[in-house]
PDB file of all heavy atoms in Angstrom:
ATOM      1  N   THR A   1     108.007 111.125  81.687  1.00  0.00           N
ATOM      2  CA  THR A   1     107.048 111.423  82.754  1.00  0.00           C
ATOM      3  C   THR A   1     106.117 110.255  83.030  1.00  0.00           C
ATOM      4  O   THR A   1     105.469 110.208  84.077  1.00  0.00           O
ATOM      5  CB  THR A   1     106.212 112.671  82.400  1.00  0.00           C
ATOM      6  OG1 THR A   1     105.420 112.392  81.228  1.00  0.00           O
ATOM      7  CG2 THR A   1     107.110 113.859  82.122  1.00  0.00           C
ATOM      8  N   LEU A   2     106.013 109.312  82.083  1.00  0.00           N
ATOM      9  CA  LEU A   2     105.139 108.155  82.277  1.00  0.00           C
ATOM     10  C   LEU A   2     105.876 106.960  82.864  1.00  0.00           C
ATOM     11  O   LEU A   2     105.247 105.967  83.244  1.00  0.00           O
ATOM     12  CB  LEU A   2     104.507 107.741  80.940  1.00  0.00           C
ATOM     13  CG  LEU A   2     103.466 108.693  80.349  1.00  0.00           C
ATOM     14  CD1 LEU A   2     102.996 108.171  79.005  1.00  0.00           C
ATOM     15  CD2 LEU A   2     102.288 108.856  81.292  1.00  0.00           C
ATOM     16  N   VAL A   3     107.191 107.019  82.899  1.00  0.00           N
ATOM     17  CA  VAL A   3     107.978 105.882  83.375  1.00  0.00           C
ATOM     18  C   VAL A   3     108.244 106.031  84.863  1.00  0.00           C
ATOM     19  O   VAL A   3     109.021 106.887  85.278  1.00  0.00           O
ATOM     20  CB  VAL A   3     109.318 105.772  82.622  1.00  0.00           C
ATOM     21  CG1 VAL A   3     110.116 104.581  83.140  1.00  0.00           C
ATOM     22  CG2 VAL A   3     109.073 105.608  81.140  1.00  0.00           C
ATOM     23  N   ASP A   4     107.584 105.254  85.665  1.00  0.00           N
ATOM     24  CA  ASP A   4     107.910 105.199  87.086  1.00  0.00           C
ATOM     25  C   ASP A   4     107.740 103.759  87.552  1.00  0.00           C
ATOM     26  O   ASP A   4     106.904 103.018  87.032  1.00  0.00           O
ATOM     27  CB  ASP A   4     107.030 106.152  87.902  1.00  0.00           C
ATOM     28  CG  ASP A   4     105.570 105.760  87.845  1.00  0.00           C
ATOM     29  OD1 ASP A   4     105.146 104.967  88.695  1.00  0.00           O
ATOM     30  OD2 ASP A   4     104.856 106.228  86.934  1.00  0.00           O
ATOM     31  N   SER A   5     108.554 103.378  88.482  1.00  0.00           N
ATOM     32  CA  SER A   5     108.557 101.989  88.937  1.00  0.00           C
ATOM     33  C   SER A   5     107.235 101.605  89.580  1.00  0.00           C
ATOM     34  O   SER A   5     106.823 100.438  89.526  1.00  0.00           O
ATOM     35  CB  SER A   5     109.708 101.766  89.916  1.00  0.00           C
ATOM     36  OG  SER A   5     110.945 101.989  89.280  1.00  0.00           O
ATOM     37  N   GLU A   6     106.557 102.579  90.203  1.00  0.00           N
ATOM     38  CA  GLU A   6     105.291 102.265  90.867  1.00  0.00           C
ATOM     39  C   GLU A   6     104.230 101.785  89.881  1.00  0.00           C
ATOM     40  O   GLU A   6     103.527 100.811  90.142  1.00  0.00           O
ATOM     41  CB  GLU A   6     104.765 103.493  91.630  1.00  0.00           C
ATOM     42  CG  GLU A   6     105.498 103.781  92.920  1.00  0.00           C
ATOM     43  CD  GLU A   6     106.736 104.634  92.709  1.00  0.00           C
ATOM     44  OE1 GLU A   6     107.125 104.836  91.527  1.00  0.00           O
ATOM     45  OE2 GLU A   6     107.320 105.091  93.704  1.00  0.00           O
ATOM     46  N   SER A   7     104.124 102.445  88.711  1.00  0.00           N
ATOM     47  CA  SER A   7     103.120 102.017  87.729  1.00  0.00           C
ATOM     48  C   SER A   7     103.454 100.644  87.170  1.00  0.00           C
ATOM     49  O   SER A   7     102.559  99.832  86.912  1.00  0.00           O
ATOM     50  CB  SER A   7     103.009 103.041  86.599  1.00  0.00           C
ATOM     51  OG  SER A   7     104.210 103.127  85.856  1.00  0.00           O
ATOM     52  N   ARG A   8     104.730 100.354  86.996  1.00  0.00           N
ATOM     53  CA  ARG A   8     105.133  99.024  86.517  1.00  0.00           C
ATOM     54  C   ARG A   8     104.815  97.962  87.566  1.00  0.00           C
ATOM     55  O   ARG A   8     104.331  96.877  87.249  1.00  0.00           O
ATOM     56  CB  ARG A   8     106.620  99.023  86.184  1.00  0.00           C
ATOM     57  CG  ARG A   8     106.959  99.885  84.964  1.00  0.00           C
ATOM     58  CD  ARG A   8     108.386 100.363  84.978  1.00  0.00           C
ATOM     59  NE  ARG A   8     109.343  99.273  84.968  1.00  0.00           N
ATOM     60  CZ  ARG A   8     110.617  99.406  85.315  1.00  0.00           C
ATOM     61  NH1 ARG A   8     111.077 100.587  85.713  1.00  0.00           N
ATOM     62  NH2 ARG A   8     111.435  98.377  85.280  1.00  0.00           N
ATOM     63  N   ALA A   9     105.073  98.287  88.834  1.00  0.00           N
ATOM     64  CA  ALA A   9     104.771  97.339  89.905  1.00  0.00           C
ATOM     65  C   ALA A   9     103.267  97.100  90.018  1.00  0.00           C
ATOM     66  O   ALA A   9     102.823  95.969  90.230  1.00  0.00           O
ATOM     67  CB  ALA A   9     105.331  97.852  91.232  1.00  0.00           C
ATOM     68  N   GLU A  10     102.478  98.168  89.877  1.00  0.00           N
ATOM     69  CA  GLU A  10     101.019  98.026  89.978  1.00  0.00           C
ATOM     70  C   GLU A  10     100.474  97.167  88.844  1.00  0.00           C
ATOM     71  O   GLU A  10      99.534  96.393  89.039  1.00  0.00           O
ATOM     72  CB  GLU A  10     100.366  99.403  89.974  1.00  0.00           C
ATOM     73  CG  GLU A  10     100.562 100.164  91.278  1.00  0.00           C
ATOM     74  CD  GLU A  10     100.060 101.582  91.195  1.00  0.00           C
ATOM     75  OE1 GLU A  10      99.691 102.017  90.081  1.00  0.00           O
ATOM     76  OE2 GLU A  10     100.027 102.262  92.243  1.00  0.00           O
ATOM     77  N   ALA A  11     101.045  97.295  87.633  1.00  0.00           N
ATOM     78  CA  ALA A  11     100.604  96.469  86.508  1.00  0.00           C
ATOM     79  C   ALA A  11     100.890  94.989  86.786  1.00  0.00           C
ATOM     80  O   ALA A  11     100.070  94.114  86.480  1.00  0.00           O
ATOM     81  CB  ALA A  11     101.301  96.916  85.227  1.00  0.00           C
ATOM     82  N   ARG A  12     102.033  94.712  87.389  1.00  0.00           N
ATOM     83  CA  ARG A  12     102.358  93.324  87.752  1.00  0.00           C
ATOM     84  C   ARG A  12     101.411  92.807  88.836  1.00  0.00           C
ATOM     85  O   ARG A  12     100.928  91.667  88.776  1.00  0.00           O
ATOM     86  CB  ARG A  12     103.805  93.248  88.255  1.00  0.00           C
ATOM     87  CG  ARG A  12     104.848  93.544  87.204  1.00  0.00           C
ATOM     88  CD  ARG A  12     106.243  93.429  87.792  1.00  0.00           C
ATOM     89  NE  ARG A  12     107.275  93.563  86.780  1.00  0.00           N
ATOM     90  CZ  ARG A  12     108.538  93.170  86.944  1.00  0.00           C
ATOM     91  NH1 ARG A  12     108.905  92.635  88.105  1.00  0.00           N
ATOM     92  NH2 ARG A  12     109.419  93.313  85.988  1.00  0.00           N
ATOM     93  N   GLU A  13     101.162  93.643  89.826  1.00  0.00           N
ATOM     94  CA  GLU A  13     100.280  93.235  90.920  1.00  0.00           C
ATOM     95  C   GLU A  13      98.871  92.943  90.397  1.00  0.00           C
ATOM     96  O   GLU A  13      98.221  91.969  90.811  1.00  0.00           O
ATOM     97  CB  GLU A  13     100.233  94.331  91.981  1.00  0.00           C
ATOM     98  CG  GLU A  13      99.482  93.946  93.251  1.00  0.00           C
ATOM     99  CD  GLU A  13     100.329  93.131  94.211  1.00  0.00           C
ATOM    100  OE1 GLU A  13     101.505  92.841  93.894  1.00  0.00           O
ATOM    101  OE2 GLU A  13      99.827  92.782  95.291  1.00  0.00           O
ATOM    102  N   ASP A  14      98.397  93.775  89.462  1.00  0.00           N
ATOM    103  CA  ASP A  14      97.077  93.556  88.867  1.00  0.00           C
ATOM    104  C   ASP A  14      97.013  92.202  88.173  1.00  0.00           C
ATOM    105  O   ASP A  14      96.020  91.473  88.305  1.00  0.00           O
ATOM    106  CB  ASP A  14      96.764  94.682  87.881  1.00  0.00           C
ATOM    107  CG  ASP A  14      95.466  94.448  87.126  1.00  0.00           C
ATOM    108  OD1 ASP A  14      94.393  94.487  87.771  1.00  0.00           O
ATOM    109  OD2 ASP A  14      95.504  94.219  85.905  1.00  0.00           O
ATOM    110  N   GLN A  15      98.075  91.850  87.463  1.00  0.00           N
ATOM    111  CA  GLN A  15      98.095  90.556  86.774  1.00  0.00           C
ATOM    112  C   GLN A  15      98.035  89.398  87.773  1.00  0.00           C
ATOM    113  O   GLN A  15      97.284  88.436  87.588  1.00  0.00           O
ATOM    114  CB  GLN A  15      99.366  90.453  85.930  1.00  0.00           C
ATOM    115  CG  GLN A  15      99.555  89.124  85.222  1.00  0.00           C
ATOM    116  CD  GLN A  15      98.580  88.954  84.082  1.00  0.00           C
ATOM    117  OE1 GLN A  15      97.374  88.833  84.302  1.00  0.00           O
ATOM    118  NE2 GLN A  15      99.077  88.958  82.869  1.00  0.00           N
ATOM    119  N   LEU A  16      98.839  89.485  88.840  1.00  0.00           N
ATOM    120  CA  LEU A  16      98.839  88.407  89.828  1.00  0.00           C
ATOM    121  C   LEU A  16      97.494  88.302  90.541  1.00  0.00           C
ATOM    122  O   LEU A  16      97.020  87.194  90.837  1.00  0.00           O
ATOM    123  CB  LEU A  16      99.959  88.635  90.845  1.00  0.00           C
ATOM    124  CG  LEU A  16     101.390  88.446  90.333  1.00  0.00           C
ATOM    125  CD1 LEU A  16     102.391  88.670  91.460  1.00  0.00           C
ATOM    126  CD2 LEU A  16     101.594  87.066  89.717  1.00  0.00           C
ATOM    127  N   GLN A  17      96.858  89.428  90.813  1.00  0.00           N
ATOM    128  CA  GLN A  17      95.555  89.382  91.472  1.00  0.00           C
ATOM    129  C   GLN A  17      94.502  88.771  90.560  1.00  0.00           C
ATOM    130  O   GLN A  17      93.625  88.023  91.024  1.00  0.00           O
ATOM    131  CB  GLN A  17      95.142  90.790  91.904  1.00  0.00           C
ATOM    132  CG  GLN A  17      95.957  91.324  93.066  1.00  0.00           C
ATOM    133  CD  GLN A  17      95.601  92.751  93.432  1.00  0.00           C
ATOM    134  OE1 GLN A  17      94.829  93.410  92.732  1.00  0.00           O
ATOM    135  NE2 GLN A  17      96.166  93.247  94.526  1.00  0.00           N
ATOM    136  N   ARG A  18      94.592  89.054  89.253  1.00  0.00           N
ATOM    137  CA  ARG A  18      93.671  88.433  88.294  1.00  0.00           C
ATOM    138  C   ARG A  18      93.864  86.924  88.275  1.00  0.00           C
ATOM    139  O   ARG A  18      92.899  86.158  88.253  1.00  0.00           O
ATOM    140  CB  ARG A  18      93.897  89.019  86.900  1.00  0.00           C
ATOM    141  CG  ARG A  18      93.367  90.431  86.727  1.00  0.00           C
ATOM    142  CD  ARG A  18      93.994  91.123  85.526  1.00  0.00           C
ATOM    143  NE  ARG A  18      93.720  90.423  84.282  1.00  0.00           N
ATOM    144  CZ  ARG A  18      92.636  90.597  83.536  1.00  0.00           C
ATOM    145  NH1 ARG A  18      91.698  91.446  83.930  1.00  0.00           N
ATOM    146  NH2 ARG A  18      92.481  89.937  82.414  1.00  0.00           N
ATOM    147  N   LEU A  19      95.111  86.474  88.300  1.00  0.00           N
ATOM    148  CA  LEU A  19      95.387  85.037  88.312  1.00  0.00           C
ATOM    149  C   LEU A  19      95.019  84.407  89.649  1.00  0.00           C
ATOM    150  O   LEU A  19      94.595  83.250  89.704  1.00  0.00           O
ATOM    151  CB  LEU A  19      96.865  84.792  87.988  1.00  0.00           C
ATOM    152  CG  LEU A  19      97.289  85.144  86.560  1.00  0.00           C
ATOM    153  CD1 LEU A  19      98.796  85.001  86.400  1.00  0.00           C
ATOM    154  CD2 LEU A  19      96.571  84.272  85.542  1.00  0.00           C
ATOM    155  N   ASP A  20      95.169  85.171  90.716  1.00  0.00           N
ATOM    156  CA  ASP A  20      94.766  84.671  92.027  1.00  0.00           C
ATOM    157  C   ASP A  20      93.256  84.426  92.062  1.00  0.00           C
ATOM    158  O   ASP A  20      92.796  83.407  92.601  1.00  0.00           O
ATOM    159  CB  ASP A  20      95.162  85.692  93.108  1.00  0.00           C
ATOM    160  CG  ASP A  20      94.936  85.166  94.512  1.00  0.00           C
ATOM    161  OD1 ASP A  20      95.560  84.152  94.887  1.00  0.00           O
ATOM    162  OD2 ASP A  20      94.127  85.766  95.240  1.00  0.00           O
ATOM    163  N   ARG A  21      92.482  85.331  91.464  1.00  0.00           N
ATOM    164  CA  ARG A  21      91.033  85.129  91.377  1.00  0.00           C
ATOM    165  C   ARG A  21      90.697  83.941  90.485  1.00  0.00           C
ATOM    166  O   ARG A  21      89.760  83.187  90.760  1.00  0.00           O
ATOM    167  CB  ARG A  21      90.360  86.403  90.859  1.00  0.00           C
ATOM    168  CG  ARG A  21      90.433  87.579  91.832  1.00  0.00           C
ATOM    169  CD  ARG A  21      89.505  88.707  91.426  1.00  0.00           C
ATOM    170  NE  ARG A  21      89.887  89.326  90.170  1.00  0.00           N
ATOM    171  CZ  ARG A  21      90.724  90.354  90.071  1.00  0.00           C
ATOM    172  NH1 ARG A  21      91.272  90.876  91.172  1.00  0.00           N
ATOM    173  NH2 ARG A  21      91.014  90.884  88.898  1.00  0.00           N
ATOM    174  N   ALA A  22      91.482  83.751  89.419  1.00  0.00           N
ATOM    175  CA  ALA A  22      91.257  82.595  88.547  1.00  0.00           C
ATOM    176  C   ALA A  22      91.517  81.289  89.294  1.00  0.00           C
ATOM    177  O   ALA A  22      90.791  80.304  89.131  1.00  0.00           O
ATOM    178  CB  ALA A  22      92.158  82.690  87.319  1.00  0.00           C
ATOM    179  N   CYS A  23      92.541  81.290  90.133  1.00  0.00           N
ATOM    180  CA  CYS A  23      92.851  80.100  90.932  1.00  0.00           C
ATOM    181  C   CYS A  23      91.706  79.798  91.898  1.00  0.00           C
ATOM    182  O   CYS A  23      91.311  78.646  92.075  1.00  0.00           O
ATOM    183  CB  CYS A  23      94.164  80.298  91.687  1.00  0.00           C
ATOM    184  SG  CYS A  23      94.666  78.905  92.730  1.00  0.00           S
ATOM    185  N   ALA A  24      91.149  80.851  92.510  1.00  0.00           N
ATOM    186  CA  ALA A  24      90.051  80.659  93.456  1.00  0.00           C
ATOM    187  C   ALA A  24      88.811  80.100  92.770  1.00  0.00           C
ATOM    188  O   ALA A  24      88.036  79.338  93.369  1.00  0.00           O
ATOM    189  CB  ALA A  24      89.724  81.986  94.146  1.00  0.00           C
ATOM    190  N   ALA A  25      88.630  80.449  91.482  1.00  0.00           N
ATOM    191  CA  ALA A  25      87.451  79.980  90.751  1.00  0.00           C
ATOM    192  C   ALA A  25      87.658  78.604  90.124  1.00  0.00           C
ATOM    193  O   ALA A  25      86.704  77.990  89.646  1.00  0.00           O
ATOM    194  CB  ALA A  25      87.099  80.985  89.656  1.00  0.00           C
ATOM    195  N   TRP A  26      88.905  78.118  90.134  1.00  0.00           N
ATOM    196  CA  TRP A  26      89.250  76.838  89.498  1.00  0.00           C
ATOM    197  C   TRP A  26      89.432  75.801  90.607  1.00  0.00           C
ATOM    198  O   TRP A  26      90.389  75.826  91.340  1.00  0.00           O
ATOM    199  CB  TRP A  26      90.540  77.021  88.683  1.00  0.00           C
ATOM    200  CG  TRP A  26      91.140  75.785  88.143  1.00  0.00           C
ATOM    201  CD1 TRP A  26      90.516  74.647  87.754  1.00  0.00           C
ATOM    202  CD2 TRP A  26      92.546  75.550  87.933  1.00  0.00           C
ATOM    203  NE1 TRP A  26      91.422  73.720  87.297  1.00  0.00           N
ATOM    204  CE2 TRP A  26      92.671  74.250  87.403  1.00  0.00           C
ATOM    205  CE3 TRP A  26      93.683  76.321  88.131  1.00  0.00           C
ATOM    206  CZ2 TRP A  26      93.916  73.703  87.068  1.00  0.00           C
ATOM    207  CZ3 TRP A  26      94.912  75.778  87.798  1.00  0.00           C
ATOM    208  CH2 TRP A  26      95.024  74.481  87.275  1.00  0.00           C
ATOM    209  N   GLU A  27      88.501  74.879  90.679  1.00  0.00           N
ATOM    210  CA  GLU A  27      88.494  73.935  91.806  1.00  0.00           C
ATOM    211  C   GLU A  27      89.715  73.034  91.830  1.00  0.00           C
ATOM    212  O   GLU A  27      90.101  72.523  92.887  1.00  0.00           O
ATOM    213  CB  GLU A  27      87.215  73.088  91.768  1.00  0.00           C
ATOM    214  CG  GLU A  27      87.050  72.252  90.514  1.00  0.00           C
ATOM    215  CD  GLU A  27      85.724  71.527  90.463  1.00  0.00           C
ATOM    216  OE1 GLU A  27      84.733  72.044  91.019  1.00  0.00           O
ATOM    217  OE2 GLU A  27      85.680  70.446  89.855  1.00  0.00           O
ATOM    218  N   ALA A  28      90.355  72.831  90.673  1.00  0.00           N
ATOM    219  CA  ALA A  28      91.533  71.962  90.637  1.00  0.00           C
ATOM    220  C   ALA A  28      92.845  72.735  90.687  1.00  0.00           C
ATOM    221  O   ALA A  28      93.909  72.164  90.451  1.00  0.00           O
ATOM    222  CB  ALA A  28      91.495  71.097  89.374  1.00  0.00           C
ATOM    223  N   CYS A  29      92.785  74.030  90.998  1.00  0.00           N
ATOM    224  CA  CYS A  29      94.013  74.817  91.082  1.00  0.00           C
ATOM    225  C   CYS A  29      94.951  74.187  92.118  1.00  0.00           C
ATOM    226  O   CYS A  29      94.543  73.940  93.268  1.00  0.00           O
ATOM    227  CB  CYS A  29      93.691  76.255  91.472  1.00  0.00           C
ATOM    228  SG  CYS A  29      95.157  77.311  91.625  1.00  0.00           S
ATOM    229  N   PRO A  30      96.208  73.901  91.750  1.00  0.00           N
ATOM    230  CA  PRO A  30      97.117  73.207  92.672  1.00  0.00           C
ATOM    231  C   PRO A  30      97.350  73.915  93.998  1.00  0.00           C
ATOM    232  O   PRO A  30      97.740  73.277  94.976  1.00  0.00           O
ATOM    233  CB  PRO A  30      98.419  73.104  91.864  1.00  0.00           C
ATOM    234  CG  PRO A  30      97.978  73.151  90.438  1.00  0.00           C
ATOM    235  CD  PRO A  30      96.809  74.088  90.426  1.00  0.00           C
ATOM    236  N   VAL A  31      97.146  75.235  94.048  1.00  0.00           N
ATOM    237  CA  VAL A  31      97.334  75.967  95.308  1.00  0.00           C
ATOM    238  C   VAL A  31      96.013  76.605  95.754  1.00  0.00           C
ATOM    239  O   VAL A  31      96.007  77.639  96.417  1.00  0.00           O
ATOM    240  CB  VAL A  31      98.438  77.040  95.173  1.00  0.00           C
ATOM    241  CG1 VAL A  31      99.804  76.375  95.087  1.00  0.00           C
ATOM    242  CG2 VAL A  31      98.200  77.942  93.970  1.00  0.00           C
ATOM    243  N   ALA A  32      94.907  75.963  95.382  1.00  0.00           N
ATOM    244  CA  ALA A  32      93.590  76.517  95.715  1.00  0.00           C
ATOM    245  C   ALA A  32      93.373  76.611  97.219  1.00  0.00           C
ATOM    246  O   ALA A  32      92.615  77.469  97.690  1.00  0.00           O
ATOM    247  CB  ALA A  32      92.483  75.664  95.085  1.00  0.00           C
ATOM    248  N   ASP A  33      94.055  75.758  97.991  1.00  0.00           N
ATOM    249  CA  ASP A  33      93.823  75.758  99.440  1.00  0.00           C
ATOM    250  C   ASP A  33      94.332  77.033 100.105  1.00  0.00           C
ATOM    251  O   ASP A  33      93.791  77.463 101.128  1.00  0.00           O
ATOM    252  CB  ASP A  33      94.482  74.534 100.082  1.00  0.00           C
ATOM    253  CG  ASP A  33      95.960  74.427  99.755  1.00  0.00           C
ATOM    254  OD1 ASP A  33      96.375  74.965  98.700  1.00  0.00           O
ATOM    255  OD2 ASP A  33      96.695  73.801 100.530  1.00  0.00           O
ATOM    256  N   ILE A  34      95.356  77.668  99.526  1.00  0.00           N
ATOM    257  CA  ILE A  34      95.868  78.899 100.132  1.00  0.00           C
ATOM    258  C   ILE A  34      95.799  80.094  99.184  1.00  0.00           C
ATOM    259  O   ILE A  34      95.833  81.233  99.640  1.00  0.00           O
ATOM    260  CB  ILE A  34      97.316  78.732 100.634  1.00  0.00           C
ATOM    261  CG1 ILE A  34      98.256  78.360  99.480  1.00  0.00           C
ATOM    262  CG2 ILE A  34      97.391  77.707 101.735  1.00  0.00           C
ATOM    263  CD1 ILE A  34      99.720  78.364  99.889  1.00  0.00           C
ATOM    264  N   GLY A  35      95.702  79.852  97.871  1.00  0.00           N
ATOM    265  CA  GLY A  35      95.659  80.935  96.901  1.00  0.00           C
ATOM    266  C   GLY A  35      97.010  81.180  96.258  1.00  0.00           C
ATOM    267  O   GLY A  35      98.061  80.836  96.824  1.00  0.00           O
ATOM    268  N   LEU A  36      96.990  81.740  95.071  1.00  0.00           N
ATOM    269  CA  LEU A  36      98.224  81.940  94.321  1.00  0.00           C
ATOM    270  C   LEU A  36      99.161  82.937  95.001  1.00  0.00           C
ATOM    271  O   LEU A  36     100.350  82.647  95.201  1.00  0.00           O
ATOM    272  CB  LEU A  36      97.902  82.427  92.900  1.00  0.00           C
ATOM    273  CG  LEU A  36      99.120  82.715  92.023  1.00  0.00           C
ATOM    274  CD1 LEU A  36      99.870  81.427  91.721  1.00  0.00           C
ATOM    275  CD2 LEU A  36      98.706  83.402  90.731  1.00  0.00           C
ATOM    276  N   LEU A  37      98.663  84.104  95.356  1.00  0.00           N
ATOM    277  CA  LEU A  37      99.523  85.115  95.971  1.00  0.00           C
ATOM    278  C   LEU A  37     100.119  84.642  97.296  1.00  0.00           C
ATOM    279  O   LEU A  37     101.328  84.801  97.526  1.00  0.00           O
ATOM    280  CB  LEU A  37      98.748  86.416  96.155  1.00  0.00           C
ATOM    281  CG  LEU A  37      98.578  87.265  94.888  1.00  0.00           C
ATOM    282  CD1 LEU A  37      97.575  88.387  95.105  1.00  0.00           C
ATOM    283  CD2 LEU A  37      99.916  87.842  94.450  1.00  0.00           C
ATOM    284  N   PRO A  38      99.319  84.037  98.192  1.00  0.00           N
ATOM    285  CA  PRO A  38      99.929  83.509  99.418  1.00  0.00           C
ATOM    286  C   PRO A  38     100.946  82.407  99.142  1.00  0.00           C
ATOM    287  O   PRO A  38     101.939  82.274  99.877  1.00  0.00           O
ATOM    288  CB  PRO A  38      98.723  82.972 100.202  1.00  0.00           C
ATOM    289  CG  PRO A  38      97.560  83.762  99.702  1.00  0.00           C
ATOM    290  CD  PRO A  38      97.843  83.976  98.253  1.00  0.00           C
ATOM    291  N   ALA A  39     100.723  81.597  98.089  1.00  0.00           N
ATOM    292  CA  ALA A  39     101.682  80.535  97.761  1.00  0.00           C
ATOM    293  C   ALA A  39     103.012  81.123  97.315  1.00  0.00           C
ATOM    294  O   ALA A  39     104.086  80.629  97.693  1.00  0.00           O
ATOM    295  CB  ALA A  39     101.108  79.628  96.669  1.00  0.00           C
ATOM    296  N   ILE A  40     102.967  82.175  96.503  1.00  0.00           N
ATOM    297  CA  ILE A  40     104.204  82.840  96.080  1.00  0.00           C
ATOM    298  C   ILE A  40     104.933  83.403  97.299  1.00  0.00           C
ATOM    299  O   ILE A  40     106.152  83.242  97.449  1.00  0.00           O
ATOM    300  CB  ILE A  40     103.895  83.953  95.060  1.00  0.00           C
ATOM    301  CG1 ILE A  40     103.372  83.351  93.752  1.00  0.00           C
ATOM    302  CG2 ILE A  40     105.143  84.795  94.793  1.00  0.00           C
ATOM    303  CD1 ILE A  40     102.899  84.384  92.747  1.00  0.00           C
ATOM    304  N   ALA A  41     104.184  84.065  98.178  1.00  0.00           N
ATOM    305  CA  ALA A  41     104.789  84.650  99.372  1.00  0.00           C
ATOM    306  C   ALA A  41     105.402  83.576 100.261  1.00  0.00           C
ATOM    307  O   ALA A  41     106.500  83.752 100.801  1.00  0.00           O
ATOM    308  CB  ALA A  41     103.743  85.447 100.147  1.00  0.00           C
TER     309      ALA A  41
END
């Protein structure tokens, strides 16, 4: 009952959003001009 693809996807999305915020706070982030998530997309 706890295994569903949506919860697994949300956990991944949360991780990427956390890293995207880290990139925005890091002035030397290689993709700081567009952000991590937009760069992946």
